[in-house]
Amino acid sequence: MTRERAQGPLTPAVLHVLLALATGERHGYGIMKQVRADSQGRVTMGPGTLYGSIGRMMKAGLIRESTKKRDPEMDDERRVYYKITGRGLRALEAELERYRGVLAVARRRRPATSGATHGA
């Protein structure tokens, strides 16, 4: 078993950041906007959560700083862009596979639990 698969579940913040970066390089504000869009507004990430997660993810080798330095739409050379690494892609795929497994169990059990009451 690979180390990435043995690491256990990702935190929701890390999962959302990896999903945002899986489709391309982004700066911090771009990641926050993508997370909000991906979750249809249900998840909003503040700077503290985002940059704390980014720091831990960089140390773990899941993401790295990109060489991209400028967003033509924002016209700001100071923005730091981040890029998912191969390790990050493998961790994301392992997490998505865990979710697929949970979803499969939930789908199998749905008919048995649809009429059940809790706490009886």
PDB file of N, CA and C in Angstrom:
ATOM      1  N   MET A   1       0.857  -1.191   0.000  1.00  0.00           N
ATOM      2  CA  MET A   1       0.000   0.000   0.000  1.00  0.00           C
ATOM      3  C   MET A   1       0.889   1.235   0.000  1.00  0.00           C
ATOM      4  N   THR A   2       0.565   2.215  -0.837  1.00  0.00           N
ATOM      5  CA  THR A   2       1.391   3.410  -0.919  1.00  0.00           C
ATOM      6  C   THR A   2       1.185   4.286   0.303  1.00  0.00           C
ATOM      7  N   ARG A   3       2.149   5.125   0.524  1.00  0.00           N
ATOM      8  CA  ARG A   3       2.067   6.032   1.668  1.00  0.00           C
ATOM      9  C   ARG A   3       0.861   6.962   1.561  1.00  0.00           C
ATOM     10  N   GLU A   4       0.564   7.442   0.321  1.00  0.00           N
ATOM     11  CA  GLU A   4      -0.569   8.339   0.142  1.00  0.00           C
ATOM     12  C   GLU A   4      -1.871   7.657   0.536  1.00  0.00           C
ATOM     13  N   ARG A   5      -2.014   6.396   0.183  1.00  0.00           N
ATOM     14  CA  ARG A   5      -3.239   5.678   0.499  1.00  0.00           C
ATOM     15  C   ARG A   5      -3.326   5.369   1.990  1.00  0.00           C
ATOM     16  N   ALA A   6      -2.189   5.286   2.653  1.00  0.00           N
ATOM     17  CA  ALA A   6      -2.186   4.959   4.074  1.00  0.00           C
ATOM     18  C   ALA A   6      -2.392   6.189   4.950  1.00  0.00           C
ATOM     19  N   GLN A   7      -2.387   7.388   4.365  1.00  0.00           N
ATOM     20  CA  GLN A   7      -2.439   8.599   5.168  1.00  0.00           C
ATOM     21  C   GLN A   7      -3.777   8.833   5.838  1.00  0.00           C
ATOM     22  N   GLY A   8      -4.820   8.196   5.388  1.00  0.00           N
ATOM     23  CA  GLY A   8      -6.126   8.392   5.986  1.00  0.00           C
ATOM     24  C   GLY A   8      -6.899   9.482   5.280  1.00  0.00           C
ATOM     25  N   PRO A   9      -8.089   9.730   5.754  1.00  0.00           N
ATOM     26  CA  PRO A   9      -8.955  10.721   5.096  1.00  0.00           C
ATOM     27  C   PRO A   9      -8.351  12.123   5.121  1.00  0.00           C
ATOM     28  N   LEU A  10      -8.633  12.873   4.074  1.00  0.00           N
ATOM     29  CA  LEU A  10      -8.224  14.269   3.994  1.00  0.00           C
ATOM     30  C   LEU A  10      -9.237  15.133   4.743  1.00  0.00           C
ATOM     31  N   THR A  11      -8.787  16.244   5.261  1.00  0.00           N
ATOM     32  CA  THR A  11      -9.735  17.174   5.867  1.00  0.00           C
ATOM     33  C   THR A  11     -10.584  17.783   4.755  1.00  0.00           C
ATOM     34  N   PRO A  12     -11.779  18.266   5.081  1.00  0.00           N
ATOM     35  CA  PRO A  12     -12.602  18.904   4.041  1.00  0.00           C
ATOM     36  C   PRO A  12     -11.874  20.061   3.349  1.00  0.00           C
ATOM     37  N   ALA A  13     -11.136  20.871   4.093  1.00  0.00           N
ATOM     38  CA  ALA A  13     -10.426  22.000   3.480  1.00  0.00           C
ATOM     39  C   ALA A  13      -9.395  21.512   2.474  1.00  0.00           C
ATOM     40  N   VAL A  14      -8.620  20.508   2.841  1.00  0.00           N
ATOM     41  CA  VAL A  14      -7.602  19.971   1.941  1.00  0.00           C
ATOM     42  C   VAL A  14      -8.258  19.355   0.703  1.00  0.00           C
ATOM     43  N   LEU A  15      -9.326  18.615   0.905  1.00  0.00           N
ATOM     44  CA  LEU A  15     -10.039  18.022  -0.227  1.00  0.00           C
ATOM     45  C   LEU A  15     -10.496  19.104  -1.202  1.00  0.00           C
ATOM     46  N   HIS A  16     -11.099  20.171  -0.692  1.00  0.00           N
ATOM     47  CA  HIS A  16     -11.589  21.238  -1.559  1.00  0.00           C
ATOM     48  C   HIS A  16     -10.453  21.955  -2.284  1.00  0.00           C
ATOM     49  N   VAL A  17      -9.345  22.170  -1.616  1.00  0.00           N
ATOM     50  CA  VAL A  17      -8.200  22.826  -2.266  1.00  0.00           C
ATOM     51  C   VAL A  17      -7.662  21.932  -3.381  1.00  0.00           C
ATOM     52  N   LEU A  18      -7.515  20.641  -3.110  1.00  0.00           N
ATOM     53  CA  LEU A  18      -7.023  19.727  -4.147  1.00  0.00           C
ATOM     54  C   LEU A  18      -7.974  19.677  -5.336  1.00  0.00           C
ATOM     55  N   LEU A  19      -9.268  19.649  -5.066  1.00  0.00           N
ATOM     56  CA  LEU A  19     -10.236  19.657  -6.160  1.00  0.00           C
ATOM     57  C   LEU A  19     -10.106  20.937  -6.994  1.00  0.00           C
ATOM     58  N   ALA A  20      -9.928  22.063  -6.321  1.00  0.00           N
ATOM     59  CA  ALA A  20      -9.792  23.340  -7.037  1.00  0.00           C
ATOM     60  C   ALA A  20      -8.535  23.360  -7.896  1.00  0.00           C
ATOM     61  N   LEU A  21      -7.458  22.766  -7.397  1.00  0.00           N
ATOM     62  CA  LEU A  21      -6.194  22.783  -8.136  1.00  0.00           C
ATOM     63  C   LEU A  21      -6.094  21.663  -9.169  1.00  0.00           C
ATOM     64  N   ALA A  22      -6.970  20.682  -9.099  1.00  0.00           N
ATOM     65  CA  ALA A  22      -6.922  19.560 -10.039  1.00  0.00           C
ATOM     66  C   ALA A  22      -7.195  20.013 -11.471  1.00  0.00           C
ATOM     67  N   THR A  23      -7.860  21.149 -11.635  1.00  0.00           N
ATOM     68  CA  THR A  23      -8.185  21.625 -12.975  1.00  0.00           C
ATOM     69  C   THR A  23      -7.261  22.747 -13.442  1.00  0.00           C
ATOM     70  N   GLY A  24      -6.319  23.138 -12.611  1.00  0.00           N
ATOM     71  CA  GLY A  24      -5.371  24.157 -13.040  1.00  0.00           C
ATOM     72  C   GLY A  24      -4.772  24.929 -11.889  1.00  0.00           C
ATOM     73  N   GLU A  25      -3.723  25.667 -12.188  1.00  0.00           N
ATOM     74  CA  GLU A  25      -3.029  26.474 -11.198  1.00  0.00           C
ATOM     75  C   GLU A  25      -3.905  27.657 -10.791  1.00  0.00           C
ATOM     76  N   ARG A  26      -3.848  27.994  -9.503  1.00  0.00           N
ATOM     77  CA  ARG A  26      -4.650  29.116  -8.998  1.00  0.00           C
ATOM     78  C   ARG A  26      -3.893  29.814  -7.870  1.00  0.00           C
ATOM     79  N   HIS A  27      -4.205  31.071  -7.690  1.00  0.00           N
ATOM     80  CA  HIS A  27      -3.699  31.819  -6.536  1.00  0.00           C
ATOM     81  C   HIS A  27      -4.716  31.653  -5.411  1.00  0.00           C
ATOM     82  N   GLY A  28      -4.376  32.125  -4.217  1.00  0.00           N
ATOM     83  CA  GLY A  28      -5.224  31.905  -3.045  1.00  0.00           C
ATOM     84  C   GLY A  28      -6.654  32.363  -3.218  1.00  0.00           C
ATOM     85  N   TYR A  29      -6.843  33.582  -3.702  1.00  0.00           N
ATOM     86  CA  TYR A  29      -8.200  34.086  -3.882  1.00  0.00           C
ATOM     87  C   TYR A  29      -8.939  33.265  -4.933  1.00  0.00           C
ATOM     88  N   GLY A  30      -8.222  32.841  -5.965  1.00  0.00           N
ATOM     89  CA  GLY A  30      -8.829  31.995  -6.989  1.00  0.00           C
ATOM     90  C   GLY A  30      -9.265  30.651  -6.431  1.00  0.00           C
ATOM     91  N   ILE A  31      -8.486  30.104  -5.507  1.00  0.00           N
ATOM     92  CA  ILE A  31      -8.864  28.843  -4.849  1.00  0.00           C
ATOM     93  C   ILE A  31     -10.139  29.054  -4.043  1.00  0.00           C
ATOM     94  N   MET A  32     -10.182  30.142  -3.270  1.00  0.00           N
ATOM     95  CA  MET A  32     -11.381  30.416  -2.458  1.00  0.00           C
ATOM     96  C   MET A  32     -12.620  30.553  -3.342  1.00  0.00           C
ATOM     97  N   LYS A  33     -12.490  31.257  -4.464  1.00  0.00           N
ATOM     98  CA  LYS A  33     -13.620  31.419  -5.384  1.00  0.00           C
ATOM     99  C   LYS A  33     -14.041  30.077  -5.990  1.00  0.00           C
ATOM    100  N   GLN A  34     -13.065  29.242  -6.343  1.00  0.00           N
ATOM    101  CA  GLN A  34     -13.377  27.948  -6.944  1.00  0.00           C
ATOM    102  C   GLN A  34     -14.068  27.024  -5.945  1.00  0.00           C
ATOM    103  N   VAL A  35     -13.616  27.028  -4.713  1.00  0.00           N
ATOM    104  CA  VAL A  35     -14.252  26.215  -3.665  1.00  0.00           C
ATOM    105  C   VAL A  35     -15.707  26.656  -3.482  1.00  0.00           C
ATOM    106  N   ARG A  36     -15.928  27.953  -3.432  1.00  0.00           N
ATOM    107  CA  ARG A  36     -17.286  28.468  -3.287  1.00  0.00           C
ATOM    108  C   ARG A  36     -18.154  28.047  -4.477  1.00  0.00           C
ATOM    109  N   ALA A  37     -17.604  28.138  -5.687  1.00  0.00           N
ATOM    110  CA  ALA A  37     -18.356  27.751  -6.888  1.00  0.00           C
ATOM    111  C   ALA A  37     -18.606  26.240  -6.917  1.00  0.00           C
ATOM    112  N   ASP A  38     -17.569  25.449  -6.617  1.00  0.00           N
ATOM    113  CA  ASP A  38     -17.711  23.984  -6.630  1.00  0.00           C
ATOM    114  C   ASP A  38     -18.772  23.512  -5.652  1.00  0.00           C
ATOM    115  N   SER A  39     -18.861  24.175  -4.507  1.00  0.00           N
ATOM    116  CA  SER A  39     -19.798  23.760  -3.460  1.00  0.00           C
ATOM    117  C   SER A  39     -21.140  24.485  -3.567  1.00  0.00           C
ATOM    118  N   GLN A  40     -21.320  25.252  -4.624  1.00  0.00           N
ATOM    119  CA  GLN A  40     -22.545  26.037  -4.834  1.00  0.00           C
ATOM    120  C   GLN A  40     -22.836  26.936  -3.625  1.00  0.00           C
ATOM    121  N   GLY A  41     -21.758  27.504  -3.082  1.00  0.00           N
ATOM    122  CA  GLY A  41     -21.877  28.447  -1.982  1.00  0.00           C
ATOM    123  C   GLY A  41     -21.993  27.829  -0.601  1.00  0.00           C
ATOM    124  N   ARG A  42     -22.001  26.518  -0.502  1.00  0.00           N
ATOM    125  CA  ARG A  42     -22.145  25.869   0.810  1.00  0.00           C
ATOM    126  C   ARG A  42     -20.846  25.877   1.612  1.00  0.00           C
ATOM    127  N   VAL A  43     -19.724  26.000   0.929  1.00  0.00           N
ATOM    128  CA  VAL A  43     -18.429  26.029   1.615  1.00  0.00           C
ATOM    129  C   VAL A  43     -17.743  27.337   1.271  1.00  0.00           C
ATOM    130  N   THR A  44     -17.443  28.104   2.291  1.00  0.00           N
ATOM    131  CA  THR A  44     -16.639  29.308   2.107  1.00  0.00           C
ATOM    132  C   THR A  44     -15.397  29.152   2.968  1.00  0.00           C
ATOM    133  N   MET A  45     -14.287  29.475   2.390  1.00  0.00           N
ATOM    134  CA  MET A  45     -13.009  29.281   3.055  1.00  0.00           C
ATOM    135  C   MET A  45     -12.389  30.646   3.306  1.00  0.00           C
ATOM    136  N   GLY A  46     -12.114  30.946   4.545  1.00  0.00           N
ATOM    137  CA  GLY A  46     -11.454  32.203   4.874  1.00  0.00           C
ATOM    138  C   GLY A  46      -9.952  32.081   4.686  1.00  0.00           C
ATOM    139  N   PRO A  47      -9.257  33.211   4.709  1.00  0.00           N
ATOM    140  CA  PRO A  47      -7.809  33.203   4.503  1.00  0.00           C
ATOM    141  C   PRO A  47      -7.055  32.343   5.515  1.00  0.00           C
ATOM    142  N   GLY A  48      -7.471  32.356   6.782  1.00  0.00           N
ATOM    143  CA  GLY A  48      -6.770  31.569   7.794  1.00  0.00           C
ATOM    144  C   GLY A  48      -6.827  30.083   7.501  1.00  0.00           C
ATOM    145  N   THR A  49      -8.006  29.601   7.191  1.00  0.00           N
ATOM    146  CA  THR A  49      -8.174  28.180   6.849  1.00  0.00           C
ATOM    147  C   THR A  49      -7.410  27.852   5.579  1.00  0.00           C
ATOM    148  N   LEU A  50      -7.565  28.694   4.561  1.00  0.00           N
ATOM    149  CA  LEU A  50      -6.914  28.435   3.278  1.00  0.00           C
ATOM    150  C   LEU A  50      -5.403  28.387   3.420  1.00  0.00           C
ATOM    151  N   TYR A  51      -4.805  29.433   3.967  1.00  0.00           N
ATOM    152  CA  TYR A  51      -3.342  29.489   3.998  1.00  0.00           C
ATOM    153  C   TYR A  51      -2.747  28.538   5.028  1.00  0.00           C
ATOM    154  N   GLY A  52      -3.485  28.212   6.091  1.00  0.00           N
ATOM    155  CA  GLY A  52      -3.033  27.165   7.005  1.00  0.00           C
ATOM    156  C   GLY A  52      -2.994  25.821   6.295  1.00  0.00           C
ATOM    157  N   SER A  53      -4.044  25.541   5.528  1.00  0.00           N
ATOM    158  CA  SER A  53      -4.100  24.289   4.763  1.00  0.00           C
ATOM    159  C   SER A  53      -3.009  24.259   3.699  1.00  0.00           C
ATOM    160  N   ILE A  54      -2.825  25.365   2.995  1.00  0.00           N
ATOM    161  CA  ILE A  54      -1.798  25.427   1.956  1.00  0.00           C
ATOM    162  C   ILE A  54      -0.418  25.137   2.546  1.00  0.00           C
ATOM    163  N   GLY A  55      -0.110  25.717   3.695  1.00  0.00           N
ATOM    164  CA  GLY A  55       1.186  25.464   4.332  1.00  0.00           C
ATOM    165  C   GLY A  55       1.385  23.999   4.659  1.00  0.00           C
ATOM    166  N   ARG A  56       0.366  23.369   5.236  1.00  0.00           N
ATOM    167  CA  ARG A  56       0.467  21.943   5.571  1.00  0.00           C
ATOM    168  C   ARG A  56       0.548  21.089   4.310  1.00  0.00           C
ATOM    169  N   MET A  57      -0.184  21.471   3.288  1.00  0.00           N
ATOM    170  CA  MET A  57      -0.182  20.715   2.038  1.00  0.00           C
ATOM    171  C   MET A  57       1.169  20.820   1.327  1.00  0.00           C
ATOM    172  N   MET A  58       1.800  21.983   1.410  1.00  0.00           N
ATOM    173  CA  MET A  58       3.122  22.132   0.801  1.00  0.00           C
ATOM    174  C   MET A  58       4.145  21.275   1.546  1.00  0.00           C
ATOM    175  N   LYS A  59       4.072  21.274   2.873  1.00  0.00           N
ATOM    176  CA  LYS A  59       4.990  20.438   3.658  1.00  0.00           C
ATOM    177  C   LYS A  59       4.799  18.960   3.355  1.00  0.00           C
ATOM    178  N   ALA A  60       3.548  18.558   3.097  1.00  0.00           N
ATOM    179  CA  ALA A  60       3.244  17.155   2.796  1.00  0.00           C
ATOM    180  C   ALA A  60       3.533  16.804   1.339  1.00  0.00           C
ATOM    181  N   GLY A  61       3.880  17.794   0.534  1.00  0.00           N
ATOM    182  CA  GLY A  61       4.194  17.526  -0.868  1.00  0.00           C
ATOM    183  C   GLY A  61       2.962  17.342  -1.750  1.00  0.00           C
ATOM    184  N   LEU A  62       1.793  17.802  -1.280  1.00  0.00           N
ATOM    185  CA  LEU A  62       0.566  17.654  -2.061  1.00  0.00           C
ATOM    186  C   LEU A  62       0.414  18.757  -3.109  1.00  0.00           C
ATOM    187  N   ILE A  63       0.961  19.932  -2.803  1.00  0.00           N
ATOM    188  CA  ILE A  63       0.942  21.054  -3.736  1.00  0.00           C
ATOM    189  C   ILE A  63       2.298  21.746  -3.663  1.00  0.00           C
ATOM    190  N   ARG A  64       2.531  22.614  -4.633  1.00  0.00           N
ATOM    191  CA  ARG A  64       3.753  23.425  -4.622  1.00  0.00           C
ATOM    192  C   ARG A  64       3.445  24.767  -5.253  1.00  0.00           C
ATOM    193  N   GLU A  65       4.350  25.714  -5.038  1.00  0.00           N
ATOM    194  CA  GLU A  65       4.198  27.002  -5.711  1.00  0.00           C
ATOM    195  C   GLU A  65       4.467  26.797  -7.190  1.00  0.00           C
ATOM    196  N   SER A  66       3.709  27.506  -7.994  1.00  0.00           N
ATOM    197  CA  SER A  66       3.849  27.441  -9.441  1.00  0.00           C
ATOM    198  C   SER A  66       4.823  28.507  -9.905  1.00  0.00           C
ATOM    199  N   THR A  67       5.292  28.368 -11.121  1.00  0.00           N
ATOM    200  CA  THR A  67       6.142  29.408 -11.703  1.00  0.00           C
ATOM    201  C   THR A  67       5.294  30.509 -12.327  1.00  0.00           C
ATOM    202  N   LYS A  68       3.976  30.282 -12.439  1.00  0.00           N
ATOM    203  CA  LYS A  68       3.076  31.302 -12.987  1.00  0.00           C
ATOM    204  C   LYS A  68       3.057  32.488 -12.032  1.00  0.00           C
ATOM    205  N   LYS A  69       3.196  33.671 -12.557  1.00  0.00           N
ATOM    206  CA  LYS A  69       3.312  34.843 -11.689  1.00  0.00           C
ATOM    207  C   LYS A  69       2.251  35.904 -11.926  1.00  0.00           C
ATOM    208  N   ARG A  70       1.433  35.771 -12.944  1.00  0.00           N
ATOM    209  CA  ARG A  70       0.512  36.868 -13.212  1.00  0.00           C
ATOM    210  C   ARG A  70      -0.822  36.364 -13.755  1.00  0.00           C
ATOM    211  N   ASP A  71      -1.877  36.900 -13.224  1.00  0.00           N
ATOM    212  CA  ASP A  71      -3.229  36.629 -13.710  1.00  0.00           C
ATOM    213  C   ASP A  71      -3.629  37.824 -14.566  1.00  0.00           C
ATOM    214  N   PRO A  72      -3.818  37.619 -15.886  1.00  0.00           N
ATOM    215  CA  PRO A  72      -4.151  38.759 -16.745  1.00  0.00           C
ATOM    216  C   PRO A  72      -5.427  39.479 -16.309  1.00  0.00           C
ATOM    217  N   GLU A  73      -6.373  38.752 -15.728  1.00  0.00           N
ATOM    218  CA  GLU A  73      -7.619  39.374 -15.274  1.00  0.00           C
ATOM    219  C   GLU A  73      -7.394  40.246 -14.036  1.00  0.00           C
ATOM    220  N   MET A  74      -6.497  39.820 -13.166  1.00  0.00           N
ATOM    221  CA  MET A  74      -6.263  40.548 -11.924  1.00  0.00           C
ATOM    222  C   MET A  74      -5.131  41.569 -12.066  1.00  0.00           C
ATOM    223  N   ASP A  75      -4.222  41.347 -13.028  1.00  0.00           N
ATOM    224  CA  ASP A  75      -3.115  42.249 -13.284  1.00  0.00           C
ATOM    225  C   ASP A  75      -2.307  42.516 -12.016  1.00  0.00           C
ATOM    226  N   ASP A  76      -1.932  41.442 -11.342  1.00  0.00           N
ATOM    227  CA  ASP A  76      -1.195  41.581 -10.087  1.00  0.00           C
ATOM    228  C   ASP A  76      -0.063  40.558 -10.060  1.00  0.00           C
ATOM    229  N   GLU A  77       1.159  41.034 -10.160  1.00  0.00           N
ATOM    230  CA  GLU A  77       2.321  40.150 -10.195  1.00  0.00           C
ATOM    231  C   GLU A  77       2.682  39.589  -8.825  1.00  0.00           C
ATOM    232  N   ARG A  78       2.080  40.113  -7.761  1.00  0.00           N
ATOM    233  CA  ARG A  78       2.434  39.666  -6.410  1.00  0.00           C
ATOM    234  C   ARG A  78       1.753  38.367  -6.024  1.00  0.00           C
ATOM    235  N   ARG A  79       0.733  37.968  -6.736  1.00  0.00           N
ATOM    236  CA  ARG A  79      -0.014  36.762  -6.379  1.00  0.00           C
ATOM    237  C   ARG A  79       0.861  35.520  -6.508  1.00  0.00           C
ATOM    238  N   VAL A  80       0.732  34.640  -5.526  1.00  0.00           N
ATOM    239  CA  VAL A  80       1.441  33.370  -5.555  1.00  0.00           C
ATOM    240  C   VAL A  80       0.457  32.312  -6.068  1.00  0.00           C
ATOM    241  N   TYR A  81       0.868  31.582  -7.061  1.00  0.00           N
ATOM    242  CA  TYR A  81       0.039  30.523  -7.634  1.00  0.00           C
ATOM    243  C   TYR A  81       0.488  29.178  -7.079  1.00  0.00           C
ATOM    244  N   TYR A  82      -0.468  28.270  -6.969  1.00  0.00           N
ATOM    245  CA  TYR A  82      -0.203  26.936  -6.451  1.00  0.00           C
ATOM    246  C   TYR A  82      -0.608  25.910  -7.487  1.00  0.00           C
ATOM    247  N   LYS A  83       0.081  24.781  -7.428  1.00  0.00           N
ATOM    248  CA  LYS A  83      -0.112  23.708  -8.400  1.00  0.00           C
ATOM    249  C   LYS A  83      -0.151  22.381  -7.654  1.00  0.00           C
ATOM    250  N   ILE A  84      -1.055  21.505  -8.044  1.00  0.00           N
ATOM    251  CA  ILE A  84      -1.125  20.181  -7.435  1.00  0.00           C
ATOM    252  C   ILE A  84       0.061  19.348  -7.925  1.00  0.00           C
ATOM    253  N   THR A  85       0.593  18.504  -7.076  1.00  0.00           N
ATOM    254  CA  THR A  85       1.717  17.629  -7.443  1.00  0.00           C
ATOM    255  C   THR A  85       1.192  16.230  -7.761  1.00  0.00           C
ATOM    256  N   GLY A  86       2.069  15.371  -8.217  1.00  0.00           N
ATOM    257  CA  GLY A  86       1.686  13.976  -8.444  1.00  0.00           C
ATOM    258  C   GLY A  86       1.202  13.325  -7.159  1.00  0.00           C
ATOM    259  N   ARG A  87       1.873  13.601  -6.060  1.00  0.00           N
ATOM    260  CA  ARG A  87       1.442  13.070  -4.766  1.00  0.00           C
ATOM    261  C   ARG A  87       0.058  13.600  -4.404  1.00  0.00           C
ATOM    262  N   GLY A  88      -0.187  14.877  -4.694  1.00  0.00           N
ATOM    263  CA  GLY A  88      -1.493  15.469  -4.430  1.00  0.00           C
ATOM    264  C   GLY A  88      -2.587  14.817  -5.263  1.00  0.00           C
ATOM    265  N   LEU A  89      -2.293  14.552  -6.532  1.00  0.00           N
ATOM    266  CA  LEU A  89      -3.271  13.871  -7.392  1.00  0.00           C
ATOM    267  C   LEU A  89      -3.576  12.470  -6.878  1.00  0.00           C
ATOM    268  N   ARG A  90      -2.544  11.762  -6.433  1.00  0.00           N
ATOM    269  CA  ARG A  90      -2.762  10.408  -5.895  1.00  0.00           C
ATOM    270  C   ARG A  90      -3.576  10.455  -4.602  1.00  0.00           C
ATOM    271  N   ALA A  91      -3.292  11.435  -3.747  1.00  0.00           N
ATOM    272  CA  ALA A  91      -4.058  11.578  -2.507  1.00  0.00           C
ATOM    273  C   ALA A  91      -5.511  11.929  -2.809  1.00  0.00           C
ATOM    274  N   LEU A  92      -5.733  12.792  -3.792  1.00  0.00           N
ATOM    275  CA  LEU A  92      -7.095  13.159  -4.182  1.00  0.00           C
ATOM    276  C   LEU A  92      -7.838  11.944  -4.719  1.00  0.00           C
ATOM    277  N   GLU A  93      -7.197  11.176  -5.579  1.00  0.00           N
ATOM    278  CA  GLU A  93      -7.849   9.985  -6.130  1.00  0.00           C
ATOM    279  C   GLU A  93      -8.159   8.968  -5.025  1.00  0.00           C
ATOM    280  N   ALA A  94      -7.247   8.797  -4.079  1.00  0.00           N
ATOM    281  CA  ALA A  94      -7.500   7.872  -2.968  1.00  0.00           C
ATOM    282  C   ALA A  94      -8.697   8.346  -2.147  1.00  0.00           C
ATOM    283  N   GLU A  95      -8.781   9.652  -1.911  1.00  0.00           N
ATOM    284  CA  GLU A  95      -9.909  10.192  -1.144  1.00  0.00           C
ATOM    285  C   GLU A  95     -11.217  10.020  -1.907  1.00  0.00           C
ATOM    286  N   LEU A  96     -11.196  10.293  -3.198  1.00  0.00           N
ATOM    287  CA  LEU A  96     -12.407  10.115  -4.008  1.00  0.00           C
ATOM    288  C   LEU A  96     -12.832   8.650  -4.044  1.00  0.00           C
ATOM    289  N   GLU A  97     -11.861   7.750  -4.045  1.00  0.00           N
ATOM    290  CA  GLU A  97     -12.189   6.313  -4.011  1.00  0.00           C
ATOM    291  C   GLU A  97     -12.836   5.945  -2.669  1.00  0.00           C
ATOM    292  N   ARG A  98     -12.364   6.541  -1.571  1.00  0.00           N
ATOM    293  CA  ARG A  98     -13.001   6.318  -0.268  1.00  0.00           C
ATOM    294  C   ARG A  98     -14.453   6.795  -0.304  1.00  0.00           C
ATOM    295  N   TYR A  99     -14.665   7.963  -0.882  1.00  0.00           N
ATOM    296  CA  TYR A  99     -16.033   8.500  -0.997  1.00  0.00           C
ATOM    297  C   TYR A  99     -16.903   7.589  -1.856  1.00  0.00           C
ATOM    298  N   ARG A 100     -16.343   7.066  -2.947  1.00  0.00           N
ATOM    299  CA  ARG A 100     -17.116   6.148  -3.798  1.00  0.00           C
ATOM    300  C   ARG A 100     -17.536   4.912  -3.004  1.00  0.00           C
ATOM    301  N   GLY A 101     -16.646   4.408  -2.165  1.00  0.00           N
ATOM    302  CA  GLY A 101     -16.965   3.246  -1.339  1.00  0.00           C
ATOM    303  C   GLY A 101     -18.081   3.535  -0.356  1.00  0.00           C
ATOM    304  N   VAL A 102     -18.022   4.678   0.293  1.00  0.00           N
ATOM    305  CA  VAL A 102     -19.075   5.067   1.242  1.00  0.00           C
ATOM    306  C   VAL A 102     -20.398   5.242   0.511  1.00  0.00           C
ATOM    307  N   LEU A 103     -20.358   5.857  -0.642  1.00  0.00           N
ATOM    308  CA  LEU A 103     -21.574   6.061  -1.421  1.00  0.00           C
ATOM    309  C   LEU A 103     -22.175   4.726  -1.859  1.00  0.00           C
ATOM    310  N   ALA A 104     -21.329   3.775  -2.229  1.00  0.00           N
ATOM    311  CA  ALA A 104     -21.825   2.459  -2.626  1.00  0.00           C
ATOM    312  C   ALA A 104     -22.538   1.773  -1.462  1.00  0.00           C
ATOM    313  N   VAL A 105     -21.978   1.861  -0.267  1.00  0.00           N
ATOM    314  CA  VAL A 105     -22.620   1.281   0.913  1.00  0.00           C
ATOM    315  C   VAL A 105     -23.949   1.973   1.175  1.00  0.00           C
ATOM    316  N   ALA A 106     -23.961   3.299   1.102  1.00  0.00           N
ATOM    317  CA  ALA A 106     -25.198   4.053   1.349  1.00  0.00           C
ATOM    318  C   ALA A 106     -26.275   3.677   0.339  1.00  0.00           C
ATOM    319  N   ARG A 107     -25.891   3.490  -0.911  1.00  0.00           N
ATOM    320  CA  ARG A 107     -26.873   3.110  -1.937  1.00  0.00           C
ATOM    321  C   ARG A 107     -27.425   1.713  -1.694  1.00  0.00           C
ATOM    322  N   ARG A 108     -26.566   0.807  -1.255  1.00  0.00           N
ATOM    323  CA  ARG A 108     -27.033  -0.560  -0.980  1.00  0.00           C
ATOM    324  C   ARG A 108     -27.979  -0.590   0.214  1.00  0.00           C
ATOM    325  N   ARG A 109     -27.752   0.245   1.182  1.00  0.00           N
ATOM    326  CA  ARG A 109     -28.548   0.228   2.405  1.00  0.00           C
ATOM    327  C   ARG A 109     -29.803   1.089   2.330  1.00  0.00           C
ATOM    328  N   ARG A 110     -29.879   1.972   1.370  1.00  0.00           N
ATOM    329  CA  ARG A 110     -31.009   2.901   1.282  1.00  0.00           C
ATOM    330  C   ARG A 110     -32.356   2.191   1.350  1.00  0.00           C
ATOM    331  N   PRO A 111     -32.639   1.152   0.559  1.00  0.00           N
ATOM    332  CA  PRO A 111     -33.943   0.502   0.634  1.00  0.00           C
ATOM    333  C   PRO A 111     -34.254  -0.061   2.025  1.00  0.00           C
ATOM    334  N   ALA A 112     -33.236  -0.580   2.703  1.00  0.00           N
ATOM    335  CA  ALA A 112     -33.460  -1.181   4.025  1.00  0.00           C
ATOM    336  C   ALA A 112     -33.715  -0.113   5.085  1.00  0.00           C
ATOM    337  N   THR A 113     -33.181   1.077   4.907  1.00  0.00           N
ATOM    338  CA  THR A 113     -33.325   2.104   5.948  1.00  0.00           C
ATOM    339  C   THR A 113     -34.371   3.151   5.624  1.00  0.00           C
ATOM    340  N   SER A 114     -34.945   3.115   4.421  1.00  0.00           N
ATOM    341  CA  SER A 114     -35.871   4.182   4.038  1.00  0.00           C
ATOM    342  C   SER A 114     -37.122   4.212   4.907  1.00  0.00           C
ATOM    343  N   GLY A 115     -37.562   3.072   5.412  1.00  0.00           N
ATOM    344  CA  GLY A 115     -38.758   3.066   6.251  1.00  0.00           C
ATOM    345  C   GLY A 115     -38.457   2.932   7.723  1.00  0.00           C
ATOM    346  N   ALA A 116     -37.185   2.835   8.056  1.00  0.00           N
ATOM    347  CA  ALA A 116     -36.800   2.629   9.457  1.00  0.00           C
ATOM    348  C   ALA A 116     -36.918   3.923  10.244  1.00  0.00           C
ATOM    349  N   THR A 117     -37.187   3.779  11.524  1.00  0.00           N
ATOM    350  CA  THR A 117     -37.198   4.929  12.426  1.00  0.00           C
ATOM    351  C   THR A 117     -36.000   4.799  13.348  1.00  0.00           C
ATOM    352  N   HIS A 118     -35.528   5.908  13.801  1.00  0.00           N
ATOM    353  CA  HIS A 118     -34.362   5.911  14.705  1.00  0.00           C
ATOM    354  C   HIS A 118     -34.817   5.961  16.162  1.00  0.00           C
ATOM    355  N   GLY A 119     -34.039   5.298  17.011  1.00  0.00           N
ATOM    356  CA  GLY A 119     -34.233   5.410  18.446  1.00  0.00           C
ATOM    357  C   GLY A 119     -35.394   4.611  19.009  1.00  0.00           C
ATOM    358  N   ALA A 120     -35.899   3.627  18.294  1.00  0.00           N
ATOM    359  CA  ALA A 120     -37.043   2.868  18.807  1.00  0.00           C
ATOM    360  C   ALA A 120     -36.620   1.712  19.629  1.00  0.00           C
TER     361      ALA A 120
END
